[in-house]
Amino acid sequence: TRRRDGFDKIYEVSWLNVFGPKLVESVGRERMLSTPA
């Protein structure tokens, strides 16, 4: 499943995270950039 889907959605938020463009767009770039962190 990991090999097929990769990191296909945000399952967890870790201490440090880098979300690729595909994942950013799936969440919404504006929402992603306005995350309280």
PDB file of all heavy atoms in Angstrom:
ATOM      1  N   THR A   1       0.832  -1.201   0.000  1.00  0.00           N
ATOM      2  CA  THR A   1       0.000   0.000   0.000  1.00  0.00           C
ATOM      3  C   THR A   1       0.862   1.244   0.000  1.00  0.00           C
ATOM      4  O   THR A   1       0.594   2.210  -0.721  1.00  0.00           O
ATOM      5  CB  THR A   1      -0.935   0.004   1.223  1.00  0.00           C
ATOM      6  OG1 THR A   1      -1.710  -1.190   1.217  1.00  0.00           O
ATOM      7  CG2 THR A   1      -1.864   1.207   1.190  1.00  0.00           C
ATOM      8  N   ARG A   2       1.925   1.264   0.804  1.00  0.00           N
ATOM      9  CA  ARG A   2       2.807   2.417   0.840  1.00  0.00           C
ATOM     10  C   ARG A   2       3.469   2.640  -0.520  1.00  0.00           C
ATOM     11  O   ARG A   2       3.596   3.766  -0.987  1.00  0.00           O
ATOM     12  CB  ARG A   2       3.886   2.230   1.916  1.00  0.00           C
ATOM     13  CG  ARG A   2       3.335   2.155   3.322  1.00  0.00           C
ATOM     14  CD  ARG A   2       4.401   2.550   4.334  1.00  0.00           C
ATOM     15  NE  ARG A   2       5.610   1.760   4.234  1.00  0.00           N
ATOM     16  CZ  ARG A   2       5.834   0.653   4.942  1.00  0.00           C
ATOM     17  NH1 ARG A   2       4.908   0.183   5.758  1.00  0.00           N
ATOM     18  NH2 ARG A   2       6.968   0.012   4.818  1.00  0.00           N
ATOM     19  N   ARG A   3       3.882   1.542  -1.136  1.00  0.00           N
ATOM     20  CA  ARG A   3       4.554   1.661  -2.430  1.00  0.00           C
ATOM     21  C   ARG A   3       3.593   2.206  -3.492  1.00  0.00           C
ATOM     22  O   ARG A   3       3.963   2.995  -4.347  1.00  0.00           O
ATOM     23  CB  ARG A   3       5.106   0.302  -2.846  1.00  0.00           C
ATOM     24  CG  ARG A   3       5.990   0.343  -4.073  1.00  0.00           C
ATOM     25  CD  ARG A   3       6.555  -1.036  -4.392  1.00  0.00           C
ATOM     26  NE  ARG A   3       7.408  -1.526  -3.329  1.00  0.00           N
ATOM     27  CZ  ARG A   3       7.154  -2.606  -2.591  1.00  0.00           C
ATOM     28  NH1 ARG A   3       6.054  -3.290  -2.803  1.00  0.00           N
ATOM     29  NH2 ARG A   3       7.974  -2.991  -1.649  1.00  0.00           N
ATOM     30  N   ARG A   4       2.320   1.794  -3.420  1.00  0.00           N
ATOM     31  CA  ARG A   4       1.341   2.204  -4.421  1.00  0.00           C
ATOM     32  C   ARG A   4       0.874   3.642  -4.217  1.00  0.00           C
ATOM     33  O   ARG A   4       0.808   4.430  -5.145  1.00  0.00           O
ATOM     34  CB  ARG A   4       0.129   1.261  -4.365  1.00  0.00           C
ATOM     35  CG  ARG A   4      -0.926   1.569  -5.429  1.00  0.00           C
ATOM     36  CD  ARG A   4      -2.151   0.681  -5.270  1.00  0.00           C
ATOM     37  NE  ARG A   4      -2.904   1.019  -4.062  1.00  0.00           N
ATOM     38  CZ  ARG A   4      -3.101   0.187  -3.054  1.00  0.00           C
ATOM     39  NH1 ARG A   4      -2.585  -1.027  -3.084  1.00  0.00           N
ATOM     40  NH2 ARG A   4      -3.787   0.569  -1.987  1.00  0.00           N
ATOM     41  N   ASP A   5       0.565   3.991  -2.950  1.00  0.00           N
ATOM     42  CA  ASP A   5      -0.070   5.271  -2.679  1.00  0.00           C
ATOM     43  C   ASP A   5       0.892   6.357  -2.235  1.00  0.00           C
ATOM     44  O   ASP A   5       0.601   7.537  -2.359  1.00  0.00           O
ATOM     45  CB  ASP A   5      -1.139   5.114  -1.589  1.00  0.00           C
ATOM     46  CG  ASP A   5      -2.269   4.189  -2.031  1.00  0.00           C
ATOM     47  OD1 ASP A   5      -2.427   4.008  -3.249  1.00  0.00           O
ATOM     48  OD2 ASP A   5      -2.983   3.673  -1.153  1.00  0.00           O
ATOM     49  N   GLY A   6       2.052   5.960  -1.702  1.00  0.00           N
ATOM     50  CA  GLY A   6       2.935   6.948  -1.114  1.00  0.00           C
ATOM     51  C   GLY A   6       2.255   7.609   0.073  1.00  0.00           C
ATOM     52  O   GLY A   6       1.377   7.044   0.704  1.00  0.00           O
ATOM     53  N   PHE A   7       2.673   8.833   0.364  1.00  0.00           N
ATOM     54  CA  PHE A   7       2.060   9.590   1.457  1.00  0.00           C
ATOM     55  C   PHE A   7       0.894  10.354   0.832  1.00  0.00           C
ATOM     56  O   PHE A   7       1.021  11.487   0.398  1.00  0.00           O
ATOM     57  CB  PHE A   7       3.093  10.528   2.076  1.00  0.00           C
ATOM     58  CG  PHE A   7       2.727  10.994   3.454  1.00  0.00           C
ATOM     59  CD1 PHE A   7       3.164  10.286   4.567  1.00  0.00           C
ATOM     60  CD2 PHE A   7       1.948  12.120   3.655  1.00  0.00           C
ATOM     61  CE1 PHE A   7       2.842  10.702   5.846  1.00  0.00           C
ATOM     62  CE2 PHE A   7       1.627  12.545   4.928  1.00  0.00           C
ATOM     63  CZ  PHE A   7       2.073  11.837   6.026  1.00  0.00           C
ATOM     64  N   ASP A   8      -0.285   9.697   0.752  1.00  0.00           N
ATOM     65  CA  ASP A   8      -1.385  10.206  -0.055  1.00  0.00           C
ATOM     66  C   ASP A   8      -2.281  11.193   0.661  1.00  0.00           C
ATOM     67  O   ASP A   8      -3.103  11.864   0.043  1.00  0.00           O
ATOM     68  CB  ASP A   8      -2.222   9.046  -0.596  1.00  0.00           C
ATOM     69  CG  ASP A   8      -2.746   8.146   0.514  1.00  0.00           C
ATOM     70  OD1 ASP A   8      -2.177   8.168   1.614  1.00  0.00           O
ATOM     71  OD2 ASP A   8      -3.720   7.421   0.259  1.00  0.00           O
ATOM     72  N   LYS A   9      -2.173  11.279   1.974  1.00  0.00           N
ATOM     73  CA  LYS A   9      -2.893  12.303   2.719  1.00  0.00           C
ATOM     74  C   LYS A   9      -2.191  12.502   4.056  1.00  0.00           C
ATOM     75  O   LYS A   9      -1.256  11.768   4.398  1.00  0.00           O
ATOM     76  CB  LYS A   9      -4.355  11.921   2.920  1.00  0.00           C
ATOM     77  CG  LYS A   9      -4.601  10.726   3.821  1.00  0.00           C
ATOM     78  CD  LYS A   9      -6.113  10.507   3.986  1.00  0.00           C
ATOM     79  CE  LYS A   9      -6.388   9.313   4.901  1.00  0.00           C
ATOM     80  NZ  LYS A   9      -7.836   9.112   5.096  1.00  0.00           N
ATOM     81  N   ILE A  10      -2.638  13.484   4.830  1.00  0.00           N
ATOM     82  CA  ILE A  10      -1.977  13.791   6.095  1.00  0.00           C
ATOM     83  C   ILE A  10      -2.540  12.875   7.175  1.00  0.00           C
ATOM     84  O   ILE A  10      -3.618  13.115   7.713  1.00  0.00           O
ATOM     85  CB  ILE A  10      -2.149  15.280   6.451  1.00  0.00           C
ATOM     86  CG1 ILE A  10      -1.458  16.129   5.381  1.00  0.00           C
ATOM     87  CG2 ILE A  10      -1.570  15.572   7.836  1.00  0.00           C
ATOM     88  CD1 ILE A  10      -1.602  17.618   5.591  1.00  0.00           C
ATOM     89  N   TYR A  11      -1.797  11.820   7.448  1.00  0.00           N
ATOM     90  CA  TYR A  11      -2.184  10.876   8.490  1.00  0.00           C
ATOM     91  C   TYR A  11      -1.798  11.409   9.870  1.00  0.00           C
ATOM     92  O   TYR A  11      -2.512  11.214  10.845  1.00  0.00           O
ATOM     93  CB  TYR A  11      -1.506   9.523   8.273  1.00  0.00           C
ATOM     94  CG  TYR A  11      -1.986   8.792   7.055  1.00  0.00           C
ATOM     95  CD1 TYR A  11      -1.425   9.047   5.804  1.00  0.00           C
ATOM     96  CD2 TYR A  11      -2.992   7.838   7.142  1.00  0.00           C
ATOM     97  CE1 TYR A  11      -1.860   8.374   4.680  1.00  0.00           C
ATOM     98  CE2 TYR A  11      -3.432   7.153   6.028  1.00  0.00           C
ATOM     99  CZ  TYR A  11      -2.864   7.427   4.793  1.00  0.00           C
ATOM    100  OH  TYR A  11      -3.294   6.764   3.670  1.00  0.00           O
ATOM    101  N   GLU A  12      -0.649  12.055   9.934  1.00  0.00           N
ATOM    102  CA  GLU A  12      -0.129  12.588  11.188  1.00  0.00           C
ATOM    103  C   GLU A  12       0.609  13.885  10.892  1.00  0.00           C
ATOM    104  O   GLU A  12       1.087  14.104   9.774  1.00  0.00           O
ATOM    105  CB  GLU A  12       0.853  11.597  11.844  1.00  0.00           C
ATOM    106  CG  GLU A  12       0.213  10.348  12.405  1.00  0.00           C
ATOM    107  CD  GLU A  12      -0.537  10.604  13.702  1.00  0.00           C
ATOM    108  OE1 GLU A  12      -0.173  11.560  14.422  1.00  0.00           O
ATOM    109  OE2 GLU A  12      -1.472   9.843  13.990  1.00  0.00           O
ATOM    110  N   VAL A  13       0.713  14.715  11.907  1.00  0.00           N
ATOM    111  CA  VAL A  13       1.582  15.879  11.830  1.00  0.00           C
ATOM    112  C   VAL A  13       2.705  15.655  12.827  1.00  0.00           C
ATOM    113  O   VAL A  13       2.461  15.467  14.025  1.00  0.00           O
ATOM    114  CB  VAL A  13       0.828  17.184  12.146  1.00  0.00           C
ATOM    115  CG1 VAL A  13       1.799  18.355  12.241  1.00  0.00           C
ATOM    116  CG2 VAL A  13      -0.217  17.463  11.076  1.00  0.00           C
ATOM    117  N   SER A  14       3.922  15.637  12.337  1.00  0.00           N
ATOM    118  CA  SER A  14       5.089  15.371  13.166  1.00  0.00           C
ATOM    119  C   SER A  14       5.688  16.688  13.651  1.00  0.00           C
ATOM    120  O   SER A  14       5.198  17.776  13.336  1.00  0.00           O
ATOM    121  CB  SER A  14       6.117  14.576  12.366  1.00  0.00           C
ATOM    122  OG  SER A  14       5.551  13.368  11.898  1.00  0.00           O
ATOM    123  N   TRP A  15       6.781  16.568  14.414  1.00  0.00           N
ATOM    124  CA  TRP A  15       7.468  17.784  14.861  1.00  0.00           C
ATOM    125  C   TRP A  15       7.905  18.607  13.645  1.00  0.00           C
ATOM    126  O   TRP A  15       7.631  19.799  13.541  1.00  0.00           O
ATOM    127  CB  TRP A  15       8.683  17.416  15.723  1.00  0.00           C
ATOM    128  CG  TRP A  15       9.610  18.565  15.932  1.00  0.00           C
ATOM    129  CD1 TRP A  15       9.347  19.709  16.637  1.00  0.00           C
ATOM    130  CD2 TRP A  15      10.929  18.717  15.385  1.00  0.00           C
ATOM    131  NE1 TRP A  15      10.425  20.567  16.568  1.00  0.00           N
ATOM    132  CE2 TRP A  15      11.404  19.985  15.816  1.00  0.00           C
ATOM    133  CE3 TRP A  15      11.748  17.905  14.603  1.00  0.00           C
ATOM    134  CZ2 TRP A  15      12.671  20.448  15.462  1.00  0.00           C
ATOM    135  CZ3 TRP A  15      13.007  18.365  14.258  1.00  0.00           C
ATOM    136  CH2 TRP A  15      13.463  19.627  14.679  1.00  0.00           C
ATOM    137  N   LEU A  16       8.577  17.971  12.693  1.00  0.00           N
ATOM    138  CA  LEU A  16       8.991  18.621  11.452  1.00  0.00           C
ATOM    139  C   LEU A  16       8.326  17.902  10.291  1.00  0.00           C
ATOM    140  O   LEU A  16       8.295  16.667  10.254  1.00  0.00           O
ATOM    141  CB  LEU A  16      10.515  18.590  11.306  1.00  0.00           C
ATOM    142  CG  LEU A  16      11.121  19.204  10.042  1.00  0.00           C
ATOM    143  CD1 LEU A  16      12.520  19.734  10.335  1.00  0.00           C
ATOM    144  CD2 LEU A  16      11.194  18.199   8.891  1.00  0.00           C
ATOM    145  N   ASN A  17       7.810  18.678   9.327  1.00  0.00           N
ATOM    146  CA  ASN A  17       7.134  18.110   8.171  1.00  0.00           C
ATOM    147  C   ASN A  17       7.510  18.889   6.924  1.00  0.00           C
ATOM    148  O   ASN A  17       7.650  20.121   6.973  1.00  0.00           O
ATOM    149  CB  ASN A  17       5.606  18.199   8.321  1.00  0.00           C
ATOM    150  CG  ASN A  17       5.114  17.742   9.688  1.00  0.00           C
ATOM    151  OD1 ASN A  17       4.690  16.612   9.850  1.00  0.00           O
ATOM    152  ND2 ASN A  17       5.162  18.643  10.684  1.00  0.00           N
ATOM    153  N   VAL A  18       7.682  18.195   5.815  1.00  0.00           N
ATOM    154  CA  VAL A  18       7.738  18.843   4.515  1.00  0.00           C
ATOM    155  C   VAL A  18       6.689  18.157   3.654  1.00  0.00           C
ATOM    156  O   VAL A  18       6.746  16.942   3.434  1.00  0.00           O
ATOM    157  CB  VAL A  18       9.121  18.731   3.845  1.00  0.00           C
ATOM    158  CG1 VAL A  18       9.088  19.448   2.488  1.00  0.00           C
ATOM    159  CG2 VAL A  18      10.209  19.323   4.726  1.00  0.00           C
ATOM    160  N   PHE A  19       5.719  18.945   3.200  1.00  0.00           N
ATOM    161  CA  PHE A  19       4.658  18.421   2.363  1.00  0.00           C
ATOM    162  C   PHE A  19       4.945  18.818   0.923  1.00  0.00           C
ATOM    163  O   PHE A  19       5.126  19.999   0.613  1.00  0.00           O
ATOM    164  CB  PHE A  19       3.303  18.969   2.802  1.00  0.00           C
ATOM    165  CG  PHE A  19       2.957  18.657   4.239  1.00  0.00           C
ATOM    166  CD1 PHE A  19       2.813  19.662   5.179  1.00  0.00           C
ATOM    167  CD2 PHE A  19       2.801  17.334   4.647  1.00  0.00           C
ATOM    168  CE1 PHE A  19       2.498  19.371   6.496  1.00  0.00           C
ATOM    169  CE2 PHE A  19       2.492  17.031   5.968  1.00  0.00           C
ATOM    170  CZ  PHE A  19       2.346  18.051   6.890  1.00  0.00           C
ATOM    171  N   GLY A  20       4.985  17.817   0.035  1.00  0.00           N
ATOM    172  CA  GLY A  20       5.250  18.080  -1.368  1.00  0.00           C
ATOM    173  C   GLY A  20       4.096  18.797  -2.031  1.00  0.00           C
ATOM    174  O   GLY A  20       2.989  18.861  -1.493  1.00  0.00           O
ATOM    175  N   PRO A  21       4.326  19.351  -3.244  1.00  0.00           N
ATOM    176  CA  PRO A  21       3.295  20.140  -3.935  1.00  0.00           C
ATOM    177  C   PRO A  21       1.977  19.400  -4.109  1.00  0.00           C
ATOM    178  O   PRO A  21       0.902  20.002  -3.959  1.00  0.00           O
ATOM    179  CB  PRO A  21       3.943  20.450  -5.289  1.00  0.00           C
ATOM    180  CG  PRO A  21       5.414  20.410  -5.015  1.00  0.00           C
ATOM    181  CD  PRO A  21       5.603  19.349  -3.981  1.00  0.00           C
ATOM    182  N   LYS A  22       2.015  18.107  -4.401  1.00  0.00           N
ATOM    183  CA  LYS A  22       0.782  17.350  -4.601  1.00  0.00           C
ATOM    184  C   LYS A  22      -0.046  17.322  -3.329  1.00  0.00           C
ATOM    185  O   LYS A  22      -1.272  17.520  -3.355  1.00  0.00           O
ATOM    186  CB  LYS A  22       1.128  15.926  -5.052  1.00  0.00           C
ATOM    187  CG  LYS A  22      -0.074  15.050  -5.324  1.00  0.00           C
ATOM    188  CD  LYS A  22       0.360  13.665  -5.795  1.00  0.00           C
ATOM    189  CE  LYS A  22      -0.849  12.769  -6.020  1.00  0.00           C
ATOM    190  NZ  LYS A  22      -0.438  11.393  -6.445  1.00  0.00           N
ATOM    191  N   LEU A  23       0.620  17.090  -2.211  1.00  0.00           N
ATOM    192  CA  LEU A  23      -0.090  17.041  -0.940  1.00  0.00           C
ATOM    193  C   LEU A  23      -0.571  18.433  -0.537  1.00  0.00           C
ATOM    194  O   LEU A  23      -1.672  18.592   0.016  1.00  0.00           O
ATOM    195  CB  LEU A  23       0.823  16.457   0.143  1.00  0.00           C
ATOM    196  CG  LEU A  23       0.163  15.959   1.433  1.00  0.00           C
ATOM    197  CD1 LEU A  23      -0.952  14.971   1.145  1.00  0.00           C
ATOM    198  CD2 LEU A  23       1.201  15.321   2.339  1.00  0.00           C
ATOM    199  N   VAL A  24       0.226  19.451  -0.835  1.00  0.00           N
ATOM    200  CA  VAL A  24      -0.172  20.823  -0.529  1.00  0.00           C
ATOM    201  C   VAL A  24      -1.452  21.183  -1.275  1.00  0.00           C
ATOM    202  O   VAL A  24      -2.390  21.764  -0.706  1.00  0.00           O
ATOM    203  CB  VAL A  24       0.962  21.811  -0.877  1.00  0.00           C
ATOM    204  CG1 VAL A  24       0.468  23.262  -0.757  1.00  0.00           C
ATOM    205  CG2 VAL A  24       2.155  21.591   0.029  1.00  0.00           C
ATOM    206  N   GLU A  25      -1.486  20.839  -2.548  1.00  0.00           N
ATOM    207  CA  GLU A  25      -2.665  21.177  -3.352  1.00  0.00           C
ATOM    208  C   GLU A  25      -3.893  20.399  -2.890  1.00  0.00           C
ATOM    209  O   GLU A  25      -5.016  20.910  -2.955  1.00  0.00           O
ATOM    210  CB  GLU A  25      -2.391  20.907  -4.835  1.00  0.00           C
ATOM    211  CG  GLU A  25      -1.297  21.782  -5.441  1.00  0.00           C
ATOM    212  CD  GLU A  25      -1.526  23.274  -5.220  1.00  0.00           C
ATOM    213  OE1 GLU A  25      -2.702  23.701  -5.238  1.00  0.00           O
ATOM    214  OE2 GLU A  25      -0.535  24.001  -5.025  1.00  0.00           O
ATOM    215  N   SER A  26      -3.703  19.176  -2.433  1.00  0.00           N
ATOM    216  CA  SER A  26      -4.854  18.385  -1.971  1.00  0.00           C
ATOM    217  C   SER A  26      -5.464  18.992  -0.705  1.00  0.00           C
ATOM    218  O   SER A  26      -6.667  18.914  -0.484  1.00  0.00           O
ATOM    219  CB  SER A  26      -4.443  16.932  -1.714  1.00  0.00           C
ATOM    220  OG  SER A  26      -3.614  16.828  -0.567  1.00  0.00           O
ATOM    221  N   VAL A  27      -4.635  19.605   0.123  1.00  0.00           N
ATOM    222  CA  VAL A  27      -5.121  20.273   1.335  1.00  0.00           C
ATOM    223  C   VAL A  27      -5.636  21.663   1.005  1.00  0.00           C
ATOM    224  O   VAL A  27      -6.624  22.134   1.577  1.00  0.00           O
ATOM    225  CB  VAL A  27      -3.991  20.361   2.385  1.00  0.00           C
ATOM    226  CG1 VAL A  27      -4.396  21.237   3.572  1.00  0.00           C
ATOM    227  CG2 VAL A  27      -3.617  18.970   2.871  1.00  0.00           C
ATOM    228  N   GLY A  28      -4.976  22.315   0.050  1.00  0.00           N
ATOM    229  CA  GLY A  28      -5.250  23.714  -0.257  1.00  0.00           C
ATOM    230  C   GLY A  28      -4.068  24.541   0.202  1.00  0.00           C
ATOM    231  O   GLY A  28      -3.756  24.561   1.395  1.00  0.00           O
ATOM    232  N   ARG A  29      -3.418  25.217  -0.758  1.00  0.00           N
ATOM    233  CA  ARG A  29      -2.191  25.937  -0.417  1.00  0.00           C
ATOM    234  C   ARG A  29      -2.452  27.023   0.626  1.00  0.00           C
ATOM    235  O   ARG A  29      -1.671  27.204   1.571  1.00  0.00           O
ATOM    236  CB  ARG A  29      -1.560  26.517  -1.688  1.00  0.00           C
ATOM    237  CG  ARG A  29      -0.184  27.151  -1.465  1.00  0.00           C
ATOM    238  CD  ARG A  29       0.489  27.432  -2.803  1.00  0.00           C
ATOM    239  NE  ARG A  29       0.787  26.170  -3.492  1.00  0.00           N
ATOM    240  CZ  ARG A  29       1.872  25.428  -3.287  1.00  0.00           C
ATOM    241  NH1 ARG A  29       2.785  25.840  -2.412  1.00  0.00           N
ATOM    242  NH2 ARG A  29       2.060  24.307  -3.955  1.00  0.00           N
ATOM    243  N   GLU A  30      -3.548  27.729   0.481  1.00  0.00           N
ATOM    244  CA  GLU A  30      -3.848  28.793   1.431  1.00  0.00           C
ATOM    245  C   GLU A  30      -4.058  28.233   2.833  1.00  0.00           C
ATOM    246  O   GLU A  30      -3.559  28.782   3.820  1.00  0.00           O
ATOM    247  CB  GLU A  30      -5.087  29.566   0.970  1.00  0.00           C
ATOM    248  CG  GLU A  30      -5.416  30.759   1.851  1.00  0.00           C
ATOM    249  CD  GLU A  30      -6.599  31.560   1.313  1.00  0.00           C
ATOM    250  OE1 GLU A  30      -7.000  31.345   0.157  1.00  0.00           O
ATOM    251  OE2 GLU A  30      -7.125  32.406   2.080  1.00  0.00           O
ATOM    252  N   ARG A  31      -4.804  27.135   2.896  1.00  0.00           N
ATOM    253  CA  ARG A  31      -5.018  26.512   4.209  1.00  0.00           C
ATOM    254  C   ARG A  31      -3.691  26.023   4.788  1.00  0.00           C
ATOM    255  O   ARG A  31      -3.413  26.195   5.978  1.00  0.00           O
ATOM    256  CB  ARG A  31      -6.012  25.354   4.090  1.00  0.00           C
ATOM    257  CG  ARG A  31      -6.153  24.525   5.385  1.00  0.00           C
ATOM    258  CD  ARG A  31      -7.283  23.535   5.310  1.00  0.00           C
ATOM    259  NE  ARG A  31      -8.560  24.186   5.435  1.00  0.00           N
ATOM    260  CZ  ARG A  31      -9.159  24.502   6.581  1.00  0.00           C
ATOM    261  NH1 ARG A  31      -8.547  24.225   7.730  1.00  0.00           N
ATOM    262  NH2 ARG A  31     -10.322  25.079   6.613  1.00  0.00           N
ATOM    263  N   MET A  32      -2.886  25.398   3.960  1.00  0.00           N
ATOM    264  CA  MET A  32      -1.599  24.879   4.431  1.00  0.00           C
ATOM    265  C   MET A  32      -0.739  26.016   4.999  1.00  0.00           C
ATOM    266  O   MET A  32      -0.156  25.900   6.089  1.00  0.00           O
ATOM    267  CB  MET A  32      -0.869  24.185   3.292  1.00  0.00           C
ATOM    268  CG  MET A  32       0.489  23.607   3.637  1.00  0.00           C
ATOM    269  SD  MET A  32       0.422  22.057   4.572  1.00  0.00           S
ATOM    270  CE  MET A  32      -0.036  20.885   3.288  1.00  0.00           C
ATOM    271  N   LEU A  33      -0.662  27.124   4.280  1.00  0.00           N
ATOM    272  CA  LEU A  33       0.202  28.219   4.706  1.00  0.00           C
ATOM    273  C   LEU A  33      -0.339  28.971   5.914  1.00  0.00           C
ATOM    274  O   LEU A  33       0.406  29.710   6.568  1.00  0.00           O
ATOM    275  CB  LEU A  33       0.420  29.187   3.543  1.00  0.00           C
ATOM    276  CG  LEU A  33       1.228  28.623   2.360  1.00  0.00           C
ATOM    277  CD1 LEU A  33       1.268  29.608   1.208  1.00  0.00           C
ATOM    278  CD2 LEU A  33       2.648  28.274   2.807  1.00  0.00           C
ATOM    279  N   SER A  34      -1.605  28.808   6.221  1.00  0.00           N
ATOM    280  CA  SER A  34      -2.188  29.477   7.383  1.00  0.00           C
ATOM    281  C   SER A  34      -2.232  28.565   8.608  1.00  0.00           C
ATOM    282  O   SER A  34      -2.871  28.888   9.611  1.00  0.00           O
ATOM    283  CB  SER A  34      -3.611  29.963   7.063  1.00  0.00           C
ATOM    284  OG  SER A  34      -4.471  28.860   6.785  1.00  0.00           O
ATOM    285  N   THR A  35      -1.532  27.434   8.554  1.00  0.00           N
ATOM    286  CA  THR A  35      -1.516  26.490   9.673  1.00  0.00           C
ATOM    287  C   THR A  35      -0.924  27.147  10.917  1.00  0.00           C
ATOM    288  O   THR A  35       0.167  27.747  10.843  1.00  0.00           O
ATOM    289  CB  THR A  35      -0.680  25.249   9.315  1.00  0.00           C
ATOM    290  OG1 THR A  35      -1.198  24.654   8.139  1.00  0.00           O
ATOM    291  CG2 THR A  35      -0.732  24.223  10.449  1.00  0.00           C
ATOM    292  N   PRO A  36      -1.609  27.045  12.070  1.00  0.00           N
ATOM    293  CA  PRO A  36      -1.022  27.573  13.315  1.00  0.00           C
ATOM    294  C   PRO A  36       0.120  26.672  13.771  1.00  0.00           C
ATOM    295  O   PRO A  36      -0.101  25.560  14.234  1.00  0.00           O
ATOM    296  CB  PRO A  36      -2.200  27.542  14.296  1.00  0.00           C
ATOM    297  CG  PRO A  36      -3.105  26.473  13.785  1.00  0.00           C
ATOM    298  CD  PRO A  36      -2.950  26.472  12.283  1.00  0.00           C
ATOM    299  N   ALA A  37       1.345  27.111  13.600  1.00  0.00           N
ATOM    300  CA  ALA A  37       2.528  26.308  13.945  1.00  0.00           C
ATOM    301  C   ALA A  37       3.691  27.244  14.215  1.00  0.00           C
ATOM    302  O   ALA A  37       3.643  28.441  13.913  1.00  0.00           O
ATOM    303  CB  ALA A  37       2.868  25.327  12.818  1.00  0.00           C
TER     304      ALA A  37
END
